[in-house]
Protein backbone atom coordinates (compact mmCIF):
# COMPACT_ATOMS: atom_id res chain seq x y z
CA MET A 1 -118.97 -98.13 164.00
CA GLN A 2 -120.24 -94.76 163.00
CA ASN A 3 -119.86 -93.43 159.67
CA ARG A 4 -116.61 -91.20 159.95
CA LYS A 5 -116.46 -88.35 157.61
CA LEU A 6 -113.11 -86.86 157.01
CA VAL A 7 -110.93 -88.46 159.49
CA ILE A 8 -108.03 -86.25 160.74
CA GLN A 9 -105.32 -88.31 162.41
CA MET A 10 -102.24 -87.18 164.14
CA GLU A 11 -99.57 -88.26 166.55
CA LEU A 12 -100.08 -86.67 170.12
CA PRO A 13 -96.55 -86.16 171.82
CA ILE A 14 -96.33 -86.41 175.45
CA GLN A 15 -94.50 -83.61 177.15
CA ALA A 16 -92.84 -83.98 180.67
CA TYR A 17 -95.14 -80.89 181.58
CA ASP A 18 -98.16 -83.04 180.46
CA ILE A 19 -97.65 -85.55 183.29
CA ASP A 20 -98.16 -85.39 187.06
CA ALA A 21 -95.91 -87.04 189.83
CA MET A 22 -97.15 -90.35 189.18
CA GLY A 23 -96.40 -90.20 185.41
CA ILE A 24 -99.92 -89.83 184.22
CA VAL A 25 -101.04 -87.81 181.84
CA SER A 26 -103.31 -84.69 183.35
CA ASN A 27 -106.92 -84.80 182.05
CA LEU A 28 -106.47 -81.19 180.87
CA VAL A 29 -104.21 -82.35 178.12
CA TYR A 30 -106.95 -84.48 176.48
CA VAL A 31 -108.85 -81.52 175.99
CA ARG A 32 -105.96 -79.42 174.48
CA TRP A 33 -105.37 -82.39 172.16
CA PHE A 34 -109.12 -82.15 171.07
CA GLU A 35 -108.31 -78.60 170.29
CA ASP A 36 -105.32 -79.29 168.24
CA LEU A 37 -107.12 -82.08 166.53
CA ARG A 38 -110.09 -79.56 165.64
CA MET A 39 -107.52 -76.86 164.48
CA GLU A 40 -105.96 -79.70 162.17
CA PHE A 41 -109.51 -80.41 160.60
CA LEU A 42 -109.97 -76.86 160.04
CA ASN A 43 -106.68 -76.51 158.50
CA ALA A 44 -107.50 -79.43 156.16
CA THR A 45 -110.64 -77.78 154.91
CA TYR A 46 -111.04 -73.94 155.58
CA SER A 47 -108.28 -72.57 157.96
CA LEU A 48 -109.19 -70.19 160.77
CA THR A 49 -106.98 -67.69 159.30
CA GLU A 50 -109.01 -67.63 155.96
CA MET A 51 -112.31 -67.89 157.99
CA MET A 52 -111.47 -64.82 160.06
CA LYS A 53 -110.74 -62.81 156.94
CA SER A 54 -114.47 -63.21 156.46
CA ASN A 55 -115.13 -62.10 160.15
CA ILE A 56 -116.33 -65.65 160.93
CA THR A 57 -114.87 -67.88 163.72
CA PRO A 58 -116.14 -71.32 165.13
CA ILE A 59 -117.21 -71.29 168.86
CA LEU A 60 -116.84 -74.07 171.13
CA MET A 61 -120.28 -74.65 173.09
CA ARG A 62 -119.54 -78.15 174.55
CA THR A 63 -116.73 -80.46 175.33
CA GLU A 64 -117.45 -84.18 176.72
CA VAL A 65 -114.61 -86.32 177.68
CA ASP A 66 -114.62 -89.98 178.63
CA TYR A 67 -111.29 -90.87 180.12
CA ARG A 68 -111.06 -94.73 179.77
CA LYS A 69 -107.35 -95.37 180.85
CA PRO A 70 -104.40 -93.15 181.99
CA LEU A 71 -101.77 -92.62 179.46
CA THR A 72 -98.19 -92.28 180.83
CA ILE A 73 -95.23 -90.67 179.17
CA PHE A 74 -93.86 -93.88 177.64
CA ASP A 75 -97.19 -94.39 175.61
CA LYS A 76 -97.20 -93.00 172.00
CA PRO A 77 -100.78 -91.71 171.32
CA ILE A 78 -102.57 -91.01 168.12
CA GLY A 79 -105.67 -88.85 167.97
CA ARG A 80 -108.48 -88.74 165.66
CA CYS A 81 -111.09 -86.66 164.90
CA TRP A 82 -113.99 -86.51 162.37
CA LEU A 83 -117.11 -84.52 161.74
CA VAL A 84 -120.40 -86.49 162.97
CA GLU A 85 -123.00 -83.85 161.95
CA SER A 86 -123.56 -80.17 160.67
CA GLY A 87 -126.56 -78.07 160.73
CA ASN A 88 -127.18 -74.54 159.28
CA SER A 89 -124.69 -73.08 161.75
CA SER A 90 -123.99 -75.92 164.38
CA TRP A 91 -121.29 -78.81 164.20
CA GLU A 92 -120.51 -82.01 166.24
CA MET A 93 -117.11 -83.59 165.97
CA ALA A 94 -116.01 -86.79 167.67
CA PHE A 95 -112.56 -87.42 169.03
CA GLU A 96 -110.62 -90.48 170.29
CA ILE A 97 -106.95 -91.16 171.50
CA LYS A 98 -105.57 -94.35 171.15
CA SER A 99 -102.44 -96.04 171.64
CA GLY A 100 -101.56 -99.42 169.76
CA ASP A 101 -105.08 -100.92 169.88
CA LYS A 102 -106.13 -99.45 173.18
CA LEU A 103 -108.77 -96.55 173.57
CA TYR A 104 -107.52 -94.27 176.21
CA CYS A 105 -110.17 -91.54 175.64
CA LYS A 106 -113.00 -90.19 173.54
CA GLY A 107 -115.03 -87.44 173.47
CA ILE A 108 -117.20 -84.91 171.22
CA GLN A 109 -117.53 -81.18 170.91
CA LYS A 110 -120.10 -79.24 169.91
CA GLY A 111 -120.19 -75.67 168.51
CA CYS A 112 -121.64 -72.90 165.88
CA PHE A 113 -120.05 -70.32 164.10
CA PHE A 114 -120.05 -66.73 164.95
CA ASP A 115 -120.23 -63.50 162.64
CA LEU A 116 -117.51 -61.17 164.36
CA GLU A 117 -118.96 -58.01 162.67
CA LYS A 118 -122.51 -58.73 163.49
CA LYS A 119 -121.98 -60.21 166.86
CA LYS A 120 -124.38 -63.19 166.24
CA VAL A 121 -124.33 -66.77 165.31
CA THR A 122 -124.27 -67.28 161.50
CA ARG A 123 -124.23 -70.09 158.98
CA ILE A 124 -121.53 -72.63 158.48
CA PRO A 125 -119.44 -70.76 155.90
CA GLN A 126 -120.10 -72.32 152.34
CA GLN A 127 -116.18 -72.59 151.75
CA LEU A 128 -116.02 -74.98 154.46
CA ILE A 129 -119.16 -76.96 153.57
CA SER A 130 -117.64 -76.97 149.90
CA ALA A 131 -114.21 -78.16 151.11
CA ILE A 132 -115.63 -80.88 153.26
CA ASP A 133 -117.76 -82.16 150.57
CA ARG A 134 -114.80 -82.32 148.10
CA LEU A 135 -112.74 -84.41 150.64
CA ILE A 136 -115.28 -86.77 151.76
CA GLU A 137 -114.92 -89.90 149.95
CA PRO A 138 -117.99 -91.00 148.15
């Protein structure tokens, strides 16, 4: 198992509009859940609102999704995400969606940070680095 830093976990309710005629959750919903989890991660560390006050925003550059099993409206999925790697300006997060002990989906997202004033990629905000360092268990 990977060394998981600062795991964020949340229940992922399945809505009637998330399923198709066969009662299966649409593949697009998993990507939305990844985004919800990533925003929850930011809210636990350095919120997007606070970050944007400094004219910095995260930019998503890549999403990979590995659909393992179909979820139905009767499942009770839990989503988890964690920081896998970060560089000077880039980051990578991993995601998994489970119901009970079954893995239904996993994936990764890669991105960077962007300075809205300078219109270019910038370093990871120090406030985010500090918040993550404080929250990671030794």
